[in-house]
N, C-alpha and C. Protein backbone atom coordinates (compact mmCIF):
# COMPACT_ATOMS: atom_id res chain seq x y z
N MET A 1 -10.64 4.16 12.78
CA MET A 1 -9.52 5.09 12.81
C MET A 1 -8.35 4.40 13.50
N PRO A 2 -7.17 4.43 12.89
CA PRO A 2 -6.00 3.81 13.52
C PRO A 2 -5.63 4.52 14.82
N VAL A 3 -5.06 3.77 15.74
CA VAL A 3 -4.59 4.31 17.01
C VAL A 3 -3.09 4.53 16.89
N THR A 4 -2.62 5.72 17.25
CA THR A 4 -1.20 6.05 17.18
C THR A 4 -0.60 6.06 18.58
N LEU A 5 0.46 5.28 18.76
CA LEU A 5 1.20 5.27 20.01
C LEU A 5 2.39 6.21 19.84
N LYS A 6 2.40 7.30 20.57
CA LYS A 6 3.45 8.32 20.45
C LYS A 6 4.75 7.79 21.03
N MET A 7 5.55 7.16 20.20
CA MET A 7 6.78 6.51 20.64
C MET A 7 8.01 7.35 20.35
N GLY A 8 7.92 8.21 19.34
CA GLY A 8 9.12 8.93 18.94
C GLY A 8 10.13 7.95 18.38
N GLU A 9 11.39 8.24 18.54
CA GLU A 9 12.47 7.40 18.01
C GLU A 9 12.96 6.41 19.05
N LEU A 10 12.07 5.71 19.73
CA LEU A 10 12.47 4.80 20.80
C LEU A 10 12.95 3.45 20.29
N MET A 11 12.57 3.06 19.08
CA MET A 11 12.97 1.76 18.54
C MET A 11 13.74 1.94 17.24
N SER A 12 14.80 1.17 17.11
CA SER A 12 15.52 1.13 15.83
C SER A 12 14.66 0.36 14.83
N SER A 13 15.06 0.35 13.57
CA SER A 13 14.34 -0.41 12.56
C SER A 13 14.31 -1.89 12.91
N GLU A 14 15.44 -2.41 13.36
CA GLU A 14 15.51 -3.82 13.74
C GLU A 14 14.61 -4.13 14.94
N GLU A 15 14.60 -3.23 15.93
CA GLU A 15 13.76 -3.44 17.10
C GLU A 15 12.27 -3.37 16.73
N PHE A 16 11.92 -2.47 15.82
CA PHE A 16 10.53 -2.38 15.38
C PHE A 16 10.13 -3.65 14.64
N PHE A 17 11.01 -4.17 13.80
CA PHE A 17 10.72 -5.42 13.09
C PHE A 17 10.50 -6.55 14.10
N GLN A 18 11.36 -6.65 15.10
CA GLN A 18 11.21 -7.68 16.13
C GLN A 18 9.91 -7.50 16.93
N PHE A 19 9.59 -6.25 17.25
CA PHE A 19 8.34 -5.93 17.95
C PHE A 19 7.15 -6.44 17.15
N CYS A 20 7.16 -6.22 15.84
CA CYS A 20 6.06 -6.68 14.99
C CYS A 20 6.00 -8.20 14.93
N GLN A 21 7.17 -8.84 14.89
CA GLN A 21 7.20 -10.30 14.85
C GLN A 21 6.68 -10.90 16.15
N MET A 22 6.99 -10.26 17.26
CA MET A 22 6.53 -10.75 18.56
C MET A 22 5.03 -10.54 18.76
N ASN A 23 4.45 -9.61 18.00
CA ASN A 23 3.02 -9.31 18.08
C ASN A 23 2.37 -9.59 16.74
N ASP A 24 2.65 -10.76 16.19
CA ASP A 24 2.26 -11.05 14.81
C ASP A 24 0.76 -11.23 14.58
N THR A 25 -0.03 -11.17 15.63
CA THR A 25 -1.48 -11.20 15.44
C THR A 25 -2.05 -9.79 15.28
N LEU A 26 -1.20 -8.78 15.37
CA LEU A 26 -1.61 -7.39 15.21
C LEU A 26 -0.93 -6.79 13.98
N GLU A 27 -1.53 -5.75 13.42
CA GLU A 27 -0.97 -5.05 12.26
C GLU A 27 -0.50 -3.67 12.70
N PHE A 28 0.75 -3.34 12.37
CA PHE A 28 1.33 -2.06 12.74
C PHE A 28 1.90 -1.35 11.51
N GLU A 29 1.92 -0.04 11.58
CA GLU A 29 2.73 0.79 10.70
C GLU A 29 3.52 1.70 11.63
N ARG A 30 4.51 2.39 11.06
CA ARG A 30 5.28 3.35 11.84
C ARG A 30 5.47 4.58 10.99
N ASP A 31 5.22 5.76 11.55
CA ASP A 31 5.39 6.98 10.77
C ASP A 31 6.84 7.43 10.78
N SER A 32 7.12 8.50 10.08
CA SER A 32 8.51 8.98 9.93
C SER A 32 9.08 9.53 11.24
N HIS A 33 8.25 9.73 12.26
CA HIS A 33 8.71 10.20 13.57
C HIS A 33 8.92 9.05 14.55
N GLY A 34 8.68 7.82 14.08
CA GLY A 34 8.86 6.65 14.94
C GLY A 34 7.61 6.26 15.71
N ASN A 35 6.51 7.00 15.53
CA ASN A 35 5.27 6.66 16.22
C ASN A 35 4.66 5.40 15.61
N ILE A 36 4.15 4.53 16.45
CA ILE A 36 3.58 3.26 16.01
C ILE A 36 2.08 3.42 15.83
N ILE A 37 1.59 2.97 14.68
CA ILE A 37 0.18 3.07 14.35
C ILE A 37 -0.40 1.66 14.37
N LEU A 38 -1.37 1.44 15.25
CA LEU A 38 -2.04 0.16 15.36
C LEU A 38 -3.21 0.16 14.38
N MET A 39 -3.18 -0.78 13.44
CA MET A 39 -4.19 -0.85 12.39
C MET A 39 -5.27 -1.84 12.81
N SER A 40 -6.51 -1.48 12.56
CA SER A 40 -7.59 -2.42 12.86
C SER A 40 -7.82 -3.33 11.65
N PRO A 41 -8.32 -4.54 11.88
CA PRO A 41 -8.63 -5.40 10.75
C PRO A 41 -9.73 -4.77 9.90
N THR A 42 -9.74 -5.10 8.62
CA THR A 42 -10.82 -4.61 7.77
C THR A 42 -12.05 -5.46 7.96
N GLY A 43 -13.18 -4.92 7.56
CA GLY A 43 -14.40 -5.72 7.56
C GLY A 43 -14.33 -6.75 6.46
N SER A 44 -15.20 -7.71 6.50
CA SER A 44 -15.18 -8.82 5.55
C SER A 44 -15.37 -8.34 4.11
N PHE A 45 -16.29 -7.40 3.89
CA PHE A 45 -16.52 -6.91 2.52
C PHE A 45 -15.25 -6.29 1.96
N THR A 46 -14.62 -5.42 2.76
CA THR A 46 -13.39 -4.75 2.30
C THR A 46 -12.26 -5.75 2.10
N GLY A 47 -12.15 -6.74 2.97
CA GLY A 47 -11.12 -7.76 2.82
C GLY A 47 -11.27 -8.53 1.51
N ASN A 48 -12.51 -8.86 1.16
CA ASN A 48 -12.75 -9.57 -0.10
C ASN A 48 -12.46 -8.66 -1.29
N PHE A 49 -12.85 -7.40 -1.20
CA PHE A 49 -12.59 -6.42 -2.26
C PHE A 49 -11.08 -6.28 -2.47
N ASN A 50 -10.32 -6.16 -1.36
CA ASN A 50 -8.85 -6.07 -1.45
C ASN A 50 -8.28 -7.29 -2.16
N LEU A 51 -8.73 -8.47 -1.75
CA LEU A 51 -8.20 -9.70 -2.32
C LEU A 51 -8.52 -9.84 -3.80
N ARG A 52 -9.70 -9.45 -4.19
CA ARG A 52 -10.08 -9.54 -5.61
C ARG A 52 -9.19 -8.63 -6.46
N ILE A 53 -8.90 -7.43 -5.95
CA ILE A 53 -8.02 -6.51 -6.69
C ILE A 53 -6.60 -7.07 -6.72
N ALA A 54 -6.11 -7.54 -5.57
CA ALA A 54 -4.76 -8.11 -5.52
C ALA A 54 -4.65 -9.31 -6.46
N GLY A 55 -5.71 -10.12 -6.52
CA GLY A 55 -5.71 -11.29 -7.39
C GLY A 55 -5.59 -10.91 -8.86
N LEU A 56 -6.28 -9.86 -9.26
CA LEU A 56 -6.19 -9.40 -10.66
C LEU A 56 -4.79 -8.89 -10.98
N LEU A 57 -4.20 -8.15 -10.04
CA LEU A 57 -2.83 -7.66 -10.26
C LEU A 57 -1.86 -8.84 -10.29
N PHE A 58 -2.06 -9.82 -9.43
CA PHE A 58 -1.22 -11.00 -9.41
C PHE A 58 -1.31 -11.75 -10.74
N GLN A 59 -2.52 -11.92 -11.27
CA GLN A 59 -2.69 -12.60 -12.56
C GLN A 59 -1.95 -11.86 -13.66
N TRP A 60 -2.07 -10.54 -13.69
CA TRP A 60 -1.36 -9.74 -14.70
C TRP A 60 0.15 -9.95 -14.55
N ASN A 61 0.64 -9.93 -13.32
CA ASN A 61 2.07 -10.07 -13.08
C ASN A 61 2.58 -11.47 -13.42
N GLU A 62 1.75 -12.48 -13.24
CA GLU A 62 2.15 -13.84 -13.62
C GLU A 62 2.41 -13.93 -15.12
N ILE A 63 1.67 -13.15 -15.88
CA ILE A 63 1.86 -13.14 -17.34
C ILE A 63 3.08 -12.32 -17.72
N THR A 64 3.22 -11.14 -17.13
CA THR A 64 4.31 -10.24 -17.53
C THR A 64 5.64 -10.55 -16.86
N GLN A 65 5.59 -11.12 -15.65
CA GLN A 65 6.81 -11.43 -14.88
C GLN A 65 7.73 -10.21 -14.72
N THR A 66 7.13 -9.03 -14.53
CA THR A 66 7.92 -7.80 -14.46
C THR A 66 8.22 -7.32 -13.05
N GLY A 67 7.64 -7.97 -12.05
CA GLY A 67 7.87 -7.54 -10.68
C GLY A 67 7.26 -8.51 -9.70
N LEU A 68 7.04 -8.02 -8.48
CA LEU A 68 6.43 -8.83 -7.42
C LEU A 68 5.23 -8.09 -6.86
N VAL A 69 4.16 -8.84 -6.55
CA VAL A 69 2.94 -8.28 -5.97
C VAL A 69 2.93 -8.62 -4.48
N PHE A 70 2.51 -7.66 -3.66
CA PHE A 70 2.50 -7.84 -2.21
C PHE A 70 1.12 -7.56 -1.64
N ASP A 71 0.79 -8.26 -0.56
CA ASP A 71 -0.50 -8.07 0.09
C ASP A 71 -0.42 -7.02 1.19
N SER A 72 -1.54 -6.84 1.87
CA SER A 72 -1.64 -5.77 2.87
C SER A 72 -0.86 -6.04 4.15
N SER A 73 -0.32 -7.23 4.31
CA SER A 73 0.47 -7.53 5.50
C SER A 73 1.95 -7.19 5.33
N THR A 74 2.32 -6.73 4.15
CA THR A 74 3.73 -6.48 3.84
C THR A 74 4.13 -5.06 4.24
N GLY A 75 5.20 -4.96 5.02
CA GLY A 75 5.72 -3.66 5.41
C GLY A 75 6.91 -3.27 4.55
N PHE A 76 6.96 -2.00 4.19
CA PHE A 76 8.09 -1.44 3.44
C PHE A 76 8.64 -0.26 4.22
N THR A 77 9.96 -0.17 4.32
CA THR A 77 10.58 0.98 4.97
C THR A 77 10.87 2.03 3.91
N LEU A 78 10.18 3.16 4.01
CA LEU A 78 10.34 4.24 3.05
C LEU A 78 11.62 5.03 3.37
N PRO A 79 12.12 5.82 2.42
CA PRO A 79 13.34 6.59 2.67
C PRO A 79 13.27 7.53 3.87
N ASN A 80 12.06 7.96 4.26
CA ASN A 80 11.94 8.84 5.43
C ASN A 80 11.89 8.07 6.75
N GLY A 81 12.04 6.74 6.69
CA GLY A 81 12.04 5.91 7.89
C GLY A 81 10.69 5.34 8.27
N ALA A 82 9.61 5.81 7.63
CA ALA A 82 8.28 5.27 7.92
C ALA A 82 8.20 3.84 7.41
N VAL A 83 7.45 3.02 8.11
CA VAL A 83 7.16 1.66 7.66
C VAL A 83 5.68 1.63 7.33
N ARG A 84 5.38 1.41 6.06
CA ARG A 84 4.00 1.44 5.58
C ARG A 84 3.62 0.11 4.96
N SER A 85 2.33 -0.19 5.01
CA SER A 85 1.78 -1.43 4.46
C SER A 85 0.61 -1.10 3.55
N PRO A 86 0.87 -0.88 2.27
CA PRO A 86 -0.25 -0.61 1.35
C PRO A 86 -1.17 -1.83 1.27
N ASP A 87 -2.42 -1.62 0.91
CA ASP A 87 -3.35 -2.74 0.77
C ASP A 87 -2.91 -3.69 -0.33
N VAL A 88 -2.43 -3.15 -1.43
CA VAL A 88 -1.88 -3.92 -2.54
C VAL A 88 -0.69 -3.12 -3.06
N SER A 89 0.40 -3.81 -3.39
CA SER A 89 1.55 -3.08 -3.93
C SER A 89 2.33 -3.95 -4.91
N TRP A 90 3.16 -3.29 -5.68
CA TRP A 90 3.96 -3.96 -6.71
C TRP A 90 5.32 -3.27 -6.78
N VAL A 91 6.37 -4.08 -6.85
CA VAL A 91 7.75 -3.58 -6.98
C VAL A 91 8.34 -4.22 -8.22
N CYS A 92 8.97 -3.41 -9.07
CA CYS A 92 9.57 -3.95 -10.30
C CYS A 92 10.77 -4.85 -9.95
N ASN A 93 11.04 -5.78 -10.83
CA ASN A 93 12.13 -6.74 -10.60
C ASN A 93 13.47 -6.06 -10.35
N GLU A 94 13.78 -5.03 -11.12
CA GLU A 94 15.08 -4.37 -10.98
C GLU A 94 15.28 -3.81 -9.58
N LYS A 95 14.26 -3.16 -9.05
CA LYS A 95 14.35 -2.57 -7.71
C LYS A 95 14.45 -3.67 -6.65
N TRP A 96 13.65 -4.73 -6.80
CA TRP A 96 13.65 -5.82 -5.83
C TRP A 96 14.98 -6.55 -5.83
N ASP A 97 15.53 -6.79 -7.02
CA ASP A 97 16.79 -7.54 -7.13
C ASP A 97 17.98 -6.79 -6.56
N GLU A 98 17.87 -5.48 -6.39
CA GLU A 98 18.95 -4.69 -5.78
C GLU A 98 19.04 -4.91 -4.27
N LEU A 99 17.99 -5.46 -3.67
CA LEU A 99 17.95 -5.67 -2.23
C LEU A 99 18.65 -6.98 -1.86
N SER A 100 19.30 -6.98 -0.72
CA SER A 100 19.89 -8.22 -0.23
C SER A 100 18.78 -9.14 0.27
N LEU A 101 19.10 -10.41 0.43
CA LEU A 101 18.13 -11.37 0.96
C LEU A 101 17.68 -10.95 2.36
N GLU A 102 18.60 -10.46 3.16
CA GLU A 102 18.25 -10.00 4.51
C GLU A 102 17.27 -8.83 4.44
N GLU A 103 17.48 -7.88 3.53
CA GLU A 103 16.56 -6.75 3.38
C GLU A 103 15.19 -7.23 2.92
N GLN A 104 15.16 -8.22 2.03
CA GLN A 104 13.89 -8.75 1.54
C GLN A 104 13.12 -9.48 2.63
N GLU A 105 13.81 -10.06 3.60
CA GLU A 105 13.18 -10.81 4.67
C GLU A 105 12.58 -9.92 5.76
N GLN A 106 12.99 -8.65 5.80
CA GLN A 106 12.46 -7.74 6.81
C GLN A 106 11.51 -6.76 6.14
N PHE A 107 11.37 -5.56 6.66
CA PHE A 107 10.56 -4.54 6.00
C PHE A 107 11.47 -3.89 4.96
N ALA A 108 11.39 -4.40 3.75
CA ALA A 108 12.33 -4.01 2.68
C ALA A 108 12.45 -2.49 2.59
N PRO A 109 13.70 -2.00 2.52
CA PRO A 109 13.93 -0.56 2.42
C PRO A 109 13.73 -0.08 0.98
N VAL A 110 12.46 -0.06 0.57
CA VAL A 110 12.12 0.32 -0.79
C VAL A 110 10.68 0.83 -0.80
N CYS A 111 10.42 1.81 -1.63
CA CYS A 111 9.05 2.26 -1.82
C CYS A 111 8.51 1.52 -3.04
N PRO A 112 7.35 0.88 -2.91
CA PRO A 112 6.78 0.20 -4.07
C PRO A 112 6.59 1.16 -5.25
N ASP A 113 6.71 0.62 -6.45
CA ASP A 113 6.49 1.42 -7.65
C ASP A 113 5.01 1.75 -7.83
N PHE A 114 4.16 0.84 -7.36
CA PHE A 114 2.71 0.99 -7.50
C PHE A 114 2.05 0.60 -6.19
N VAL A 115 1.11 1.43 -5.73
CA VAL A 115 0.39 1.14 -4.49
C VAL A 115 -1.11 1.35 -4.68
N ILE A 116 -1.87 0.54 -3.96
CA ILE A 116 -3.31 0.74 -3.88
C ILE A 116 -3.67 0.78 -2.39
N GLU A 117 -4.41 1.78 -2.03
CA GLU A 117 -5.03 1.84 -0.71
C GLU A 117 -6.53 1.79 -0.93
N ILE A 118 -7.20 0.96 -0.15
CA ILE A 118 -8.64 0.80 -0.25
C ILE A 118 -9.23 1.19 1.10
N ARG A 119 -10.04 2.22 1.08
CA ARG A 119 -10.59 2.72 2.34
C ARG A 119 -11.55 1.71 2.94
N SER A 120 -11.30 1.39 4.20
CA SER A 120 -12.24 0.55 4.95
C SER A 120 -13.08 1.46 5.83
N LYS A 121 -14.11 0.90 6.40
CA LYS A 121 -15.03 1.69 7.21
C LYS A 121 -14.34 2.34 8.41
N SER A 122 -13.28 1.71 8.92
CA SER A 122 -12.60 2.22 10.12
C SER A 122 -11.53 3.27 9.80
N GLU A 123 -11.28 3.56 8.52
CA GLU A 123 -10.18 4.47 8.17
C GLU A 123 -10.68 5.87 7.82
N ASP A 124 -9.96 6.84 8.30
CA ASP A 124 -10.22 8.24 8.00
C ASP A 124 -9.60 8.57 6.64
N ILE A 125 -10.33 9.26 5.79
CA ILE A 125 -9.83 9.56 4.45
C ILE A 125 -8.58 10.44 4.49
N LYS A 126 -8.50 11.36 5.44
CA LYS A 126 -7.30 12.23 5.52
C LYS A 126 -6.05 11.40 5.77
N TYR A 127 -6.15 10.40 6.64
CA TYR A 127 -5.01 9.53 6.92
C TYR A 127 -4.55 8.84 5.63
N LEU A 128 -5.49 8.34 4.84
CA LEU A 128 -5.13 7.65 3.60
C LEU A 128 -4.59 8.61 2.54
N LEU A 129 -5.15 9.80 2.46
CA LEU A 129 -4.63 10.80 1.51
C LEU A 129 -3.19 11.16 1.86
N ASP A 130 -2.90 11.29 3.15
CA ASP A 130 -1.53 11.59 3.58
C ASP A 130 -0.59 10.44 3.25
N LYS A 131 -1.05 9.19 3.43
CA LYS A 131 -0.22 8.04 3.08
C LYS A 131 0.09 8.03 1.59
N MET A 132 -0.90 8.34 0.77
CA MET A 132 -0.68 8.34 -0.68
C MET A 132 0.35 9.40 -1.06
N LYS A 133 0.27 10.56 -0.46
CA LYS A 133 1.26 11.62 -0.72
C LYS A 133 2.65 11.16 -0.30
N GLU A 134 2.72 10.44 0.82
CA GLU A 134 4.00 9.94 1.31
C GLU A 134 4.60 8.93 0.33
N TYR A 135 3.78 8.01 -0.16
CA TYR A 135 4.28 7.04 -1.16
C TYR A 135 4.84 7.78 -2.38
N MET A 136 4.10 8.74 -2.87
CA MET A 136 4.52 9.46 -4.08
C MET A 136 5.80 10.27 -3.83
N ALA A 137 5.91 10.85 -2.66
CA ALA A 137 7.10 11.65 -2.33
C ALA A 137 8.35 10.79 -2.19
N HIS A 138 8.18 9.48 -2.01
CA HIS A 138 9.32 8.62 -1.75
C HIS A 138 9.57 7.56 -2.81
N GLY A 139 8.98 7.75 -4.00
CA GLY A 139 9.37 6.90 -5.11
C GLY A 139 8.30 6.12 -5.84
N ALA A 140 7.05 6.13 -5.36
CA ALA A 140 5.99 5.43 -6.10
C ALA A 140 5.77 6.17 -7.42
N SER A 141 5.51 5.41 -8.46
CA SER A 141 5.25 6.00 -9.78
C SER A 141 3.77 6.12 -10.10
N LEU A 142 2.95 5.32 -9.42
CA LEU A 142 1.51 5.34 -9.64
C LEU A 142 0.83 4.82 -8.38
N GLY A 143 -0.28 5.43 -8.03
CA GLY A 143 -1.04 4.98 -6.87
C GLY A 143 -2.52 5.23 -7.03
N TRP A 144 -3.31 4.33 -6.51
CA TRP A 144 -4.77 4.46 -6.53
C TRP A 144 -5.30 4.37 -5.12
N LEU A 145 -6.11 5.33 -4.74
CA LEU A 145 -6.84 5.29 -3.48
C LEU A 145 -8.31 5.12 -3.85
N ILE A 146 -8.88 3.97 -3.47
CA ILE A 146 -10.26 3.65 -3.79
C ILE A 146 -11.10 3.86 -2.54
N ASP A 147 -12.03 4.80 -2.63
CA ASP A 147 -12.89 5.15 -1.50
C ASP A 147 -14.33 4.84 -1.88
N ARG A 148 -14.78 3.63 -1.57
CA ARG A 148 -16.14 3.25 -1.95
C ARG A 148 -17.19 3.92 -1.07
N PHE A 149 -16.80 4.46 0.08
CA PHE A 149 -17.77 5.11 0.95
C PHE A 149 -18.16 6.50 0.43
N ASP A 150 -17.20 7.19 -0.18
CA ASP A 150 -17.50 8.49 -0.80
C ASP A 150 -17.60 8.37 -2.32
N ASN A 151 -17.51 7.14 -2.84
CA ASN A 151 -17.64 6.87 -4.27
C ASN A 151 -16.62 7.68 -5.08
N LYS A 152 -15.35 7.62 -4.65
CA LYS A 152 -14.27 8.36 -5.33
C LYS A 152 -13.06 7.47 -5.53
N ILE A 153 -12.32 7.78 -6.56
CA ILE A 153 -11.01 7.16 -6.80
C ILE A 153 -10.01 8.27 -7.03
N TYR A 154 -8.93 8.22 -6.28
CA TYR A 154 -7.85 9.19 -6.41
C TYR A 154 -6.72 8.50 -7.15
N VAL A 155 -6.30 9.07 -8.27
CA VAL A 155 -5.20 8.51 -9.06
C VAL A 155 -3.99 9.43 -8.87
N TYR A 156 -2.95 8.86 -8.29
CA TYR A 156 -1.73 9.62 -7.99
C TYR A 156 -0.63 9.27 -8.98
N ARG A 157 0.01 10.31 -9.48
CA ARG A 157 1.21 10.21 -10.31
C ARG A 157 2.22 11.21 -9.75
N PRO A 158 3.48 11.09 -10.12
CA PRO A 158 4.46 12.07 -9.63
C PRO A 158 4.08 13.52 -9.98
N THR A 159 3.29 13.69 -11.03
CA THR A 159 2.90 15.04 -11.45
C THR A 159 1.68 15.59 -10.72
N GLY A 160 1.02 14.76 -9.91
CA GLY A 160 -0.15 15.22 -9.18
C GLY A 160 -1.21 14.16 -9.06
N CYS A 161 -2.40 14.59 -8.66
CA CYS A 161 -3.50 13.67 -8.38
C CYS A 161 -4.74 14.14 -9.12
N ILE A 162 -5.48 13.17 -9.67
CA ILE A 162 -6.80 13.48 -10.21
C ILE A 162 -7.81 12.63 -9.46
N VAL A 163 -9.04 13.14 -9.38
CA VAL A 163 -10.09 12.47 -8.63
C VAL A 163 -11.23 12.13 -9.57
N HIS A 164 -11.66 10.86 -9.52
CA HIS A 164 -12.85 10.42 -10.25
C HIS A 164 -13.99 10.34 -9.24
N ASP A 165 -15.14 10.90 -9.59
CA ASP A 165 -16.29 10.89 -8.70
C ASP A 165 -17.21 9.69 -8.95
N SER A 166 -16.61 8.57 -9.26
CA SER A 166 -17.34 7.34 -9.48
C SER A 166 -16.38 6.17 -9.39
N LEU A 167 -16.89 5.02 -8.96
CA LEU A 167 -16.08 3.81 -8.98
C LEU A 167 -16.19 3.11 -10.33
N ASN A 168 -17.10 3.57 -11.16
CA ASN A 168 -17.34 2.95 -12.47
C ASN A 168 -16.46 3.59 -13.54
N VAL A 169 -15.16 3.48 -13.34
CA VAL A 169 -14.18 3.97 -14.31
C VAL A 169 -13.20 2.85 -14.60
N ALA A 170 -12.51 2.97 -15.70
CA ALA A 170 -11.45 2.02 -16.03
C ALA A 170 -10.13 2.66 -15.63
N LEU A 171 -9.44 2.03 -14.69
CA LEU A 171 -8.13 2.52 -14.27
C LEU A 171 -7.05 1.82 -15.08
N SER A 172 -6.09 2.59 -15.54
CA SER A 172 -5.02 2.04 -16.36
C SER A 172 -3.72 2.00 -15.56
N GLY A 173 -2.97 0.91 -15.75
CA GLY A 173 -1.64 0.80 -15.15
C GLY A 173 -0.62 1.66 -15.84
N GLU A 174 -1.03 2.31 -16.91
CA GLU A 174 -0.19 3.24 -17.66
C GLU A 174 1.15 2.61 -18.02
N ASP A 175 2.22 3.37 -17.98
CA ASP A 175 3.54 2.82 -18.33
C ASP A 175 4.19 2.09 -17.16
N VAL A 176 3.58 2.16 -15.97
CA VAL A 176 4.11 1.46 -14.80
C VAL A 176 3.74 -0.02 -14.87
N LEU A 177 2.50 -0.30 -15.21
CA LEU A 177 1.97 -1.66 -15.34
C LEU A 177 1.31 -1.78 -16.72
N PRO A 178 2.09 -1.82 -17.78
CA PRO A 178 1.52 -1.79 -19.13
C PRO A 178 0.53 -2.95 -19.36
N GLY A 179 -0.65 -2.59 -19.82
CA GLY A 179 -1.67 -3.58 -20.13
C GLY A 179 -2.58 -3.92 -18.96
N PHE A 180 -2.27 -3.46 -17.76
CA PHE A 180 -3.13 -3.76 -16.60
C PHE A 180 -4.23 -2.72 -16.51
N THR A 181 -5.46 -3.18 -16.42
CA THR A 181 -6.60 -2.30 -16.20
C THR A 181 -7.45 -2.86 -15.07
N LEU A 182 -8.12 -1.97 -14.39
CA LEU A 182 -8.99 -2.37 -13.28
C LEU A 182 -10.28 -1.57 -13.38
N HIS A 183 -11.39 -2.26 -13.20
CA HIS A 183 -12.73 -1.66 -13.18
C HIS A 183 -13.29 -1.87 -11.77
N PRO A 184 -12.96 -0.99 -10.82
CA PRO A 184 -13.33 -1.21 -9.43
C PRO A 184 -14.84 -1.39 -9.21
N GLY A 185 -15.65 -0.65 -9.94
CA GLY A 185 -17.09 -0.76 -9.76
C GLY A 185 -17.63 -2.14 -10.06
N SER A 186 -16.99 -2.84 -10.97
CA SER A 186 -17.47 -4.18 -11.33
C SER A 186 -17.12 -5.23 -10.27
N LEU A 187 -16.24 -4.90 -9.33
CA LEU A 187 -15.83 -5.84 -8.29
C LEU A 187 -16.69 -5.78 -7.04
N ILE A 188 -17.58 -4.80 -6.98
CA ILE A 188 -18.42 -4.66 -5.80
C ILE A 188 -19.63 -5.56 -5.93
N ARG A 189 -19.77 -6.45 -4.96
CA ARG A 189 -20.90 -7.39 -4.97
C ARG A 189 -21.78 -7.10 -3.79
């Protein structure tokens, strides 16, 4: 379970970025109230699972060249001021190219078009469900929450969420990531 430091609005965006840089061996997020969330590292199994999924999305993107793929260490500043780090994310070229180089070098002020959150053993499902709702409320077009502990996949679209009660499904990138499919159950070793 992540630890939340009740900070309120004590740090500006720039100060929070500097704070993260000064503590670069730790992973942080910040909620819309300015509270800092200390993230624990994932276990080895989950880390490998994350990387395998990110690798497949990266391979698809290398072929299509339609956007940029980001890993779990990447922070994005959402319109509500929260700084979030999805496990895997993708931003279309048009949205990325609108950002200045300075914005790209910090916690880019953009919500990814596509996000994946993968539940690790240390994460509470309610926390992740709330994060997925936050992404969707601030501009994500598609999101997947993969919960291998409860054997569920939550597929988020702007129109709502559907839940699959199995990891053995084929997930489609739909019109957000045309031609991208993922079979999460086949990645578990």
